[in-house]
Every structure is written in structure tokens, then in C-alpha cells.
Amino acid sequence: MLKRNGSEILRAEEVDHWRDILKLSENPTALEFAKAAKSAGDAVMYRMWTHVKSDPYDLSEQMSRETGK
């Protein structure tokens, strides 16, 4: 279970899944979790930006597995 100021943020099962995805330690703090989640989101946004910046920021509904565009 992930808590902040005594309040439950995520149940233990959810923490286990996110801990694996975000490559966190066994018992992450709420701050560690938040920083890792922010970094993961920033990485996705940066990847998208690299592919749309030259195409008048047109964002297609899907991304290609082969090219990333």
C-alpha cells in the first residue's frame, strides 16, 4: 500500500504493478513514485514531440511500431 500523510493512494496490488513498470524499489515512498511517474510521462511526451514537431504538430491517433511516428 502506498500512503501519503496517512491516506491510502494505491492498494498493494496496484503498487506492485506500478513498481515493476516504473522500476522502483520494494517499498517506494509517495515522492519516489511521483517522480518516477512524472519521468515516465515526460519520456512519452518527448517521444511524441520528436515525431510531430516537423509535421505542424499533427498528432495521429496511432503510433507506428516500426518507425515510432
PDB file of N, CA and C in Angstrom:
ATOM      1  N   MET A   1       0.852  -1.173   0.000  1.00  0.00           N
ATOM      2  CA  MET A   1       0.000   0.000   0.000  1.00  0.00           C
ATOM      3  C   MET A   1       0.898   1.237   0.000  1.00  0.00           C
ATOM      4  N   LEU A   2       0.553   2.202  -0.789  1.00  0.00           N
ATOM      5  CA  LEU A   2       1.285   3.462  -0.841  1.00  0.00           C
ATOM      6  C   LEU A   2       0.443   4.523  -0.152  1.00  0.00           C
ATOM      7  N   LYS A   3       1.042   5.151   0.851  1.00  0.00           N
ATOM      8  CA  LYS A   3       0.316   6.164   1.618  1.00  0.00           C
ATOM      9  C   LYS A   3       1.043   7.498   1.560  1.00  0.00           C
ATOM     10  N   ARG A   4       0.267   8.541   1.729  1.00  0.00           N
ATOM     11  CA  ARG A   4       0.813   9.890   1.855  1.00  0.00           C
ATOM     12  C   ARG A   4       0.000  10.584   2.930  1.00  0.00           C
ATOM     13  N   ASN A   5       0.675  11.095   3.923  1.00  0.00           N
ATOM     14  CA  ASN A   5       0.004  11.758   5.059  1.00  0.00           C
ATOM     15  C   ASN A   5      -1.088  10.881   5.657  1.00  0.00           C
ATOM     16  N   GLY A   6      -0.822   9.573   5.715  1.00  0.00           N
ATOM     17  CA  GLY A   6      -1.760   8.651   6.331  1.00  0.00           C
ATOM     18  C   GLY A   6      -2.904   8.201   5.447  1.00  0.00           C
ATOM     19  N   SER A   7      -3.042   8.778   4.269  1.00  0.00           N
ATOM     20  CA  SER A   7      -4.126   8.397   3.363  1.00  0.00           C
ATOM     21  C   SER A   7      -3.611   7.425   2.310  1.00  0.00           C
ATOM     22  N   GLU A   8      -4.405   6.403   2.025  1.00  0.00           N
ATOM     23  CA  GLU A   8      -4.027   5.411   1.028  1.00  0.00           C
ATOM     24  C   GLU A   8      -4.115   6.018  -0.373  1.00  0.00           C
ATOM     25  N   ILE A   9      -3.018   5.877  -1.126  1.00  0.00           N
ATOM     26  CA  ILE A   9      -3.001   6.361  -2.509  1.00  0.00           C
ATOM     27  C   ILE A   9      -3.266   5.198  -3.459  1.00  0.00           C
ATOM     28  N   LEU A  10      -2.558   4.070  -3.239  1.00  0.00           N
ATOM     29  CA  LEU A  10      -2.738   2.875  -4.055  1.00  0.00           C
ATOM     30  C   LEU A  10      -2.759   1.640  -3.172  1.00  0.00           C
ATOM     31  N   ARG A  11      -3.547   0.653  -3.581  1.00  0.00           N
ATOM     32  CA  ARG A  11      -3.553  -0.630  -2.875  1.00  0.00           C
ATOM     33  C   ARG A  11      -2.261  -1.392  -3.193  1.00  0.00           C
ATOM     34  N   ALA A  12      -1.937  -2.382  -2.377  1.00  0.00           N
ATOM     35  CA  ALA A  12      -0.688  -3.142  -2.517  1.00  0.00           C
ATOM     36  C   ALA A  12      -0.545  -3.764  -3.906  1.00  0.00           C
ATOM     37  N   GLU A  13      -1.622  -4.328  -4.445  1.00  0.00           N
ATOM     38  CA  GLU A  13      -1.562  -4.953  -5.770  1.00  0.00           C
ATOM     39  C   GLU A  13      -1.220  -3.929  -6.849  1.00  0.00           C
ATOM     40  N   GLU A  14      -1.797  -2.752  -6.736  1.00  0.00           N
ATOM     41  CA  GLU A  14      -1.530  -1.690  -7.702  1.00  0.00           C
ATOM     42  C   GLU A  14      -0.085  -1.206  -7.592  1.00  0.00           C
ATOM     43  N   VAL A  15       0.391  -1.082  -6.366  1.00  0.00           N
ATOM     44  CA  VAL A  15       1.778  -0.655  -6.159  1.00  0.00           C
ATOM     45  C   VAL A  15       2.728  -1.653  -6.791  1.00  0.00           C
ATOM     46  N   ASP A  16       2.458  -2.956  -6.614  1.00  0.00           N
ATOM     47  CA  ASP A  16       3.320  -3.989  -7.195  1.00  0.00           C
ATOM     48  C   ASP A  16       3.418  -3.849  -8.703  1.00  0.00           C
ATOM     49  N   HIS A  17       2.290  -3.642  -9.364  1.00  0.00           N
ATOM     50  CA  HIS A  17       2.294  -3.486 -10.828  1.00  0.00           C
ATOM     51  C   HIS A  17       3.066  -2.233 -11.247  1.00  0.00           C
ATOM     52  N   TRP A  18       2.759  -1.119 -10.631  1.00  0.00           N
ATOM     53  CA  TRP A  18       3.423   0.130 -10.995  1.00  0.00           C
ATOM     54  C   TRP A  18       4.899   0.116 -10.614  1.00  0.00           C
ATOM     55  N   ARG A  19       5.226  -0.536  -9.510  1.00  0.00           N
ATOM     56  CA  ARG A  19       6.630  -0.630  -9.093  1.00  0.00           C
ATOM     57  C   ARG A  19       7.446  -1.348 -10.170  1.00  0.00           C
ATOM     58  N   ASP A  20       6.900  -2.410 -10.729  1.00  0.00           N
ATOM     59  CA  ASP A  20       7.581  -3.136 -11.801  1.00  0.00           C
ATOM     60  C   ASP A  20       7.712  -2.287 -13.051  1.00  0.00           C
ATOM     61  N   ILE A  21       6.634  -1.632 -13.441  1.00  0.00           N
ATOM     62  CA  ILE A  21       6.637  -0.808 -14.650  1.00  0.00           C
ATOM     63  C   ILE A  21       7.619   0.352 -14.524  1.00  0.00           C
ATOM     64  N   LEU A  22       7.612   1.007 -13.362  1.00  0.00           N
ATOM     65  CA  LEU A  22       8.452   2.193 -13.160  1.00  0.00           C
ATOM     66  C   LEU A  22       9.838   1.860 -12.604  1.00  0.00           C
ATOM     67  N   LYS A  23      10.103   0.561 -12.408  1.00  0.00           N
ATOM     68  CA  LYS A  23      11.404   0.102 -11.911  1.00  0.00           C
ATOM     69  C   LYS A  23      11.772   0.748 -10.578  1.00  0.00           C
ATOM     70  N   LEU A  24      10.852   0.662  -9.624  1.00  0.00           N
ATOM     71  CA  LEU A  24      11.046   1.246  -8.299  1.00  0.00           C
ATOM     72  C   LEU A  24      11.509   0.190  -7.300  1.00  0.00           C
ATOM     73  N   SER A  25      12.008   0.645  -6.168  1.00  0.00           N
ATOM     74  CA  SER A  25      12.446  -0.245  -5.105  1.00  0.00           C
ATOM     75  C   SER A  25      11.249  -0.969  -4.483  1.00  0.00           C
ATOM     76  N   GLU A  26      11.517  -1.890  -3.572  1.00  0.00           N
ATOM     77  CA  GLU A  26      10.474  -2.718  -2.956  1.00  0.00           C
ATOM     78  C   GLU A  26       9.375  -1.907  -2.270  1.00  0.00           C
ATOM     79  N   ASN A  27       9.732  -0.890  -1.520  1.00  0.00           N
ATOM     80  CA  ASN A  27       8.753  -0.066  -0.803  1.00  0.00           C
ATOM     81  C   ASN A  27       8.955   1.407  -1.147  1.00  0.00           C
ATOM     82  N   PRO A  28       8.477   1.826  -2.309  1.00  0.00           N
ATOM     83  CA  PRO A  28       8.704   3.214  -2.712  1.00  0.00           C
ATOM     84  C   PRO A  28       7.898   4.197  -1.867  1.00  0.00           C
ATOM     85  N   THR A  29       8.471   5.359  -1.654  1.00  0.00           N
ATOM     86  CA  THR A  29       7.723   6.421  -0.984  1.00  0.00           C
ATOM     87  C   THR A  29       6.806   7.075  -2.015  1.00  0.00           C
ATOM     88  N   ALA A  30       5.871   7.857  -1.544  1.00  0.00           N
ATOM     89  CA  ALA A  30       4.971   8.568  -2.454  1.00  0.00           C
ATOM     90  C   ALA A  30       5.776   9.514  -3.351  1.00  0.00           C
ATOM     91  N   LEU A  31       6.820  10.137  -2.802  1.00  0.00           N
ATOM     92  CA  LEU A  31       7.643  11.045  -3.592  1.00  0.00           C
ATOM     93  C   LEU A  31       8.403  10.298  -4.677  1.00  0.00           C
ATOM     94  N   GLU A  32       8.985   9.142  -4.350  1.00  0.00           N
ATOM     95  CA  GLU A  32       9.693   8.341  -5.351  1.00  0.00           C
ATOM     96  C   GLU A  32       8.736   7.906  -6.455  1.00  0.00           C
ATOM     97  N   PHE A  33       7.545   7.489  -6.052  1.00  0.00           N
ATOM     98  CA  PHE A  33       6.533   7.067  -7.013  1.00  0.00           C
ATOM     99  C   PHE A  33       6.161   8.222  -7.939  1.00  0.00           C
ATOM    100  N   ALA A  34       5.914   9.381  -7.363  1.00  0.00           N
ATOM    101  CA  ALA A  34       5.510  10.551  -8.155  1.00  0.00           C
ATOM    102  C   ALA A  34       6.618  10.961  -9.132  1.00  0.00           C
ATOM    103  N   LYS A  35       7.862  10.964  -8.677  1.00  0.00           N
ATOM    104  CA  LYS A  35       8.985  11.334  -9.560  1.00  0.00           C
ATOM    105  C   LYS A  35       9.131  10.349 -10.704  1.00  0.00           C
ATOM    106  N   ALA A  36       9.007   9.056 -10.406  1.00  0.00           N
ATOM    107  CA  ALA A  36       9.126   8.040 -11.457  1.00  0.00           C
ATOM    108  C   ALA A  36       7.979   8.145 -12.459  1.00  0.00           C
ATOM    109  N   ALA A  37       6.767   8.373 -11.970  1.00  0.00           N
ATOM    110  CA  ALA A  37       5.606   8.520 -12.860  1.00  0.00           C
ATOM    111  C   ALA A  37       5.757   9.752 -13.744  1.00  0.00           C
ATOM    112  N   LYS A  38       6.241  10.843 -13.184  1.00  0.00           N
ATOM    113  CA  LYS A  38       6.456  12.068 -13.960  1.00  0.00           C
ATOM    114  C   LYS A  38       7.503  11.838 -15.041  1.00  0.00           C
ATOM    115  N   SER A  39       8.592  11.177 -14.687  1.00  0.00           N
ATOM    116  CA  SER A  39       9.649  10.901 -15.663  1.00  0.00           C
ATOM    117  C   SER A  39       9.148  10.023 -16.800  1.00  0.00           C
ATOM    118  N   ALA A  40       8.337   9.014 -16.466  1.00  0.00           N
ATOM    119  CA  ALA A  40       7.781   8.134 -17.492  1.00  0.00           C
ATOM    120  C   ALA A  40       6.858   8.916 -18.432  1.00  0.00           C
ATOM    121  N   GLY A  41       6.015   9.763 -17.868  1.00  0.00           N
ATOM    122  CA  GLY A  41       5.125  10.582 -18.690  1.00  0.00           C
ATOM    123  C   GLY A  41       5.887  11.558 -19.560  1.00  0.00           C
ATOM    124  N   ASP A  42       6.930  12.172 -19.002  1.00  0.00           N
ATOM    125  CA  ASP A  42       7.769  13.090 -19.779  1.00  0.00           C
ATOM    126  C   ASP A  42       8.437  12.369 -20.951  1.00  0.00           C
ATOM    127  N   ALA A  43       8.870  11.123 -20.723  1.00  0.00           N
ATOM    128  CA  ALA A  43       9.518  10.352 -21.781  1.00  0.00           C
ATOM    129  C   ALA A  43       8.559  10.086 -22.940  1.00  0.00           C
ATOM    130  N   VAL A  44       7.308   9.759 -22.616  1.00  0.00           N
ATOM    131  CA  VAL A  44       6.308   9.526 -23.657  1.00  0.00           C
ATOM    132  C   VAL A  44       6.040  10.818 -24.428  1.00  0.00           C
ATOM    133  N   MET A  45       5.872  11.910 -23.712  1.00  0.00           N
ATOM    134  CA  MET A  45       5.599  13.189 -24.379  1.00  0.00           C
ATOM    135  C   MET A  45       6.777  13.621 -25.261  1.00  0.00           C
ATOM    136  N   TYR A  46       8.006  13.407 -24.797  1.00  0.00           N
ATOM    137  CA  TYR A  46       9.186  13.769 -25.592  1.00  0.00           C
ATOM    138  C   TYR A  46       9.234  12.923 -26.874  1.00  0.00           C
ATOM    139  N   ARG A  47       8.950  11.637 -26.743  1.00  0.00           N
ATOM    140  CA  ARG A  47       8.948  10.763 -27.917  1.00  0.00           C
ATOM    141  C   ARG A  47       7.926  11.247 -28.932  1.00  0.00           C
ATOM    142  N   MET A  48       6.740  11.593 -28.464  1.00  0.00           N
ATOM    143  CA  MET A  48       5.713  12.097 -29.374  1.00  0.00           C
ATOM    144  C   MET A  48       6.164  13.399 -30.025  1.00  0.00           C
ATOM    145  N   TRP A  49       6.730  14.296 -29.233  1.00  0.00           N
ATOM    146  CA  TRP A  49       7.163  15.597 -29.752  1.00  0.00           C
ATOM    147  C   TRP A  49       8.202  15.443 -30.855  1.00  0.00           C
ATOM    148  N   THR A  50       9.137  14.488 -30.690  1.00  0.00           N
ATOM    149  CA  THR A  50      10.174  14.310 -31.712  1.00  0.00           C
ATOM    150  C   THR A  50       9.583  13.921 -33.055  1.00  0.00           C
ATOM    151  N   HIS A  51       8.422  13.294 -33.058  1.00  0.00           N
ATOM    152  CA  HIS A  51       7.811  12.848 -34.307  1.00  0.00           C
ATOM    153  C   HIS A  51       6.794  13.828 -34.879  1.00  0.00           C
ATOM    154  N   VAL A  52       6.295  14.742 -34.088  1.00  0.00           N
ATOM    155  CA  VAL A  52       5.283  15.665 -34.608  1.00  0.00           C
ATOM    156  C   VAL A  52       5.813  17.073 -34.841  1.00  0.00           C
ATOM    157  N   LYS A  53       6.989  17.397 -34.339  1.00  0.00           N
ATOM    158  CA  LYS A  53       7.494  18.771 -34.449  1.00  0.00           C
ATOM    159  C   LYS A  53       7.708  19.196 -35.902  1.00  0.00           C
ATOM    160  N   SER A  54       8.047  18.252 -36.773  1.00  0.00           N
ATOM    161  CA  SER A  54       8.283  18.618 -38.166  1.00  0.00           C
ATOM    162  C   SER A  54       7.027  18.482 -39.021  1.00  0.00           C
ATOM    163  N   ASP A  55       5.935  18.078 -38.430  1.00  0.00           N
ATOM    164  CA  ASP A  55       4.699  17.831 -39.169  1.00  0.00           C
ATOM    165  C   ASP A  55       3.584  18.704 -38.617  1.00  0.00           C
ATOM    166  N   PRO A  56       3.767  20.037 -38.609  1.00  0.00           N
ATOM    167  CA  PRO A  56       2.919  21.026 -37.943  1.00  0.00           C
ATOM    168  C   PRO A  56       2.202  20.535 -36.686  1.00  0.00           C
ATOM    169  N   TYR A  57       2.903  19.757 -35.880  1.00  0.00           N
ATOM    170  CA  TYR A  57       2.347  19.238 -34.624  1.00  0.00           C
ATOM    171  C   TYR A  57       1.043  18.490 -34.816  1.00  0.00           C
ATOM    172  N   ASP A  58       0.929  17.816 -35.975  1.00  0.00           N
ATOM    173  CA  ASP A  58      -0.241  16.989 -36.238  1.00  0.00           C
ATOM    174  C   ASP A  58      -0.047  15.674 -35.501  1.00  0.00           C
ATOM    175  N   LEU A  59      -0.960  15.334 -34.635  1.00  0.00           N
ATOM    176  CA  LEU A  59      -0.843  14.135 -33.819  1.00  0.00           C
ATOM    177  C   LEU A  59      -1.862  13.097 -34.285  1.00  0.00           C
ATOM    178  N   SER A  60      -1.352  12.045 -34.911  1.00  0.00           N
ATOM    179  CA  SER A  60      -2.219  10.968 -35.380  1.00  0.00           C
ATOM    180  C   SER A  60      -2.764  10.187 -34.203  1.00  0.00           C
ATOM    181  N   GLU A  61      -3.775   9.397 -34.469  1.00  0.00           N
ATOM    182  CA  GLU A  61      -4.395   8.615 -33.410  1.00  0.00           C
ATOM    183  C   GLU A  61      -3.497   7.463 -32.956  1.00  0.00           C
ATOM    184  N   GLN A  62      -2.656   6.950 -33.855  1.00  0.00           N
ATOM    185  CA  GLN A  62      -1.824   5.801 -33.533  1.00  0.00           C
ATOM    186  C   GLN A  62      -0.359   6.103 -33.817  1.00  0.00           C
ATOM    187  N   MET A  63       0.512   5.288 -33.201  1.00  0.00           N
ATOM    188  CA  MET A  63       1.943   5.386 -33.436  1.00  0.00           C
ATOM    189  C   MET A  63       2.406   4.097 -34.103  1.00  0.00           C
ATOM    190  N   SER A  64       3.328   4.207 -35.025  1.00  0.00           N
ATOM    191  CA  SER A  64       3.857   3.047 -35.727  1.00  0.00           C
ATOM    192  C   SER A  64       4.873   2.317 -34.850  1.00  0.00           C
ATOM    193  N   ARG A  65       4.768   1.008 -34.775  1.00  0.00           N
ATOM    194  CA  ARG A  65       5.742   0.218 -34.017  1.00  0.00           C
ATOM    195  C   ARG A  65       7.084   0.190 -34.732  1.00  0.00           C
ATOM    196  N   GLU A  66       7.077   0.300 -36.044  1.00  0.00           N
ATOM    197  CA  GLU A  66       8.315   0.231 -36.817  1.00  0.00           C
ATOM    198  C   GLU A  66       9.101   1.537 -36.772  1.00  0.00           C
ATOM    199  N   THR A  67       8.439   2.652 -36.969  1.00  0.00           N
ATOM    200  CA  THR A  67       9.144   3.932 -37.056  1.00  0.00           C
ATOM    201  C   THR A  67       8.993   4.798 -35.822  1.00  0.00           C
ATOM    202  N   GLY A  68       7.994   4.534 -35.005  1.00  0.00           N
ATOM    203  CA  GLY A  68       7.738   5.370 -33.838  1.00  0.00           C
ATOM    204  C   GLY A  68       6.899   6.593 -34.153  1.00  0.00           C
ATOM    205  N   LYS A  69       6.678   6.853 -35.448  1.00  0.00           N
ATOM    206  CA  LYS A  69       5.905   8.030 -35.855  1.00  0.00           C
ATOM    207  C   LYS A  69       4.421   7.761 -35.778  1.00  0.00           C
TER     208      LYS A  69
END
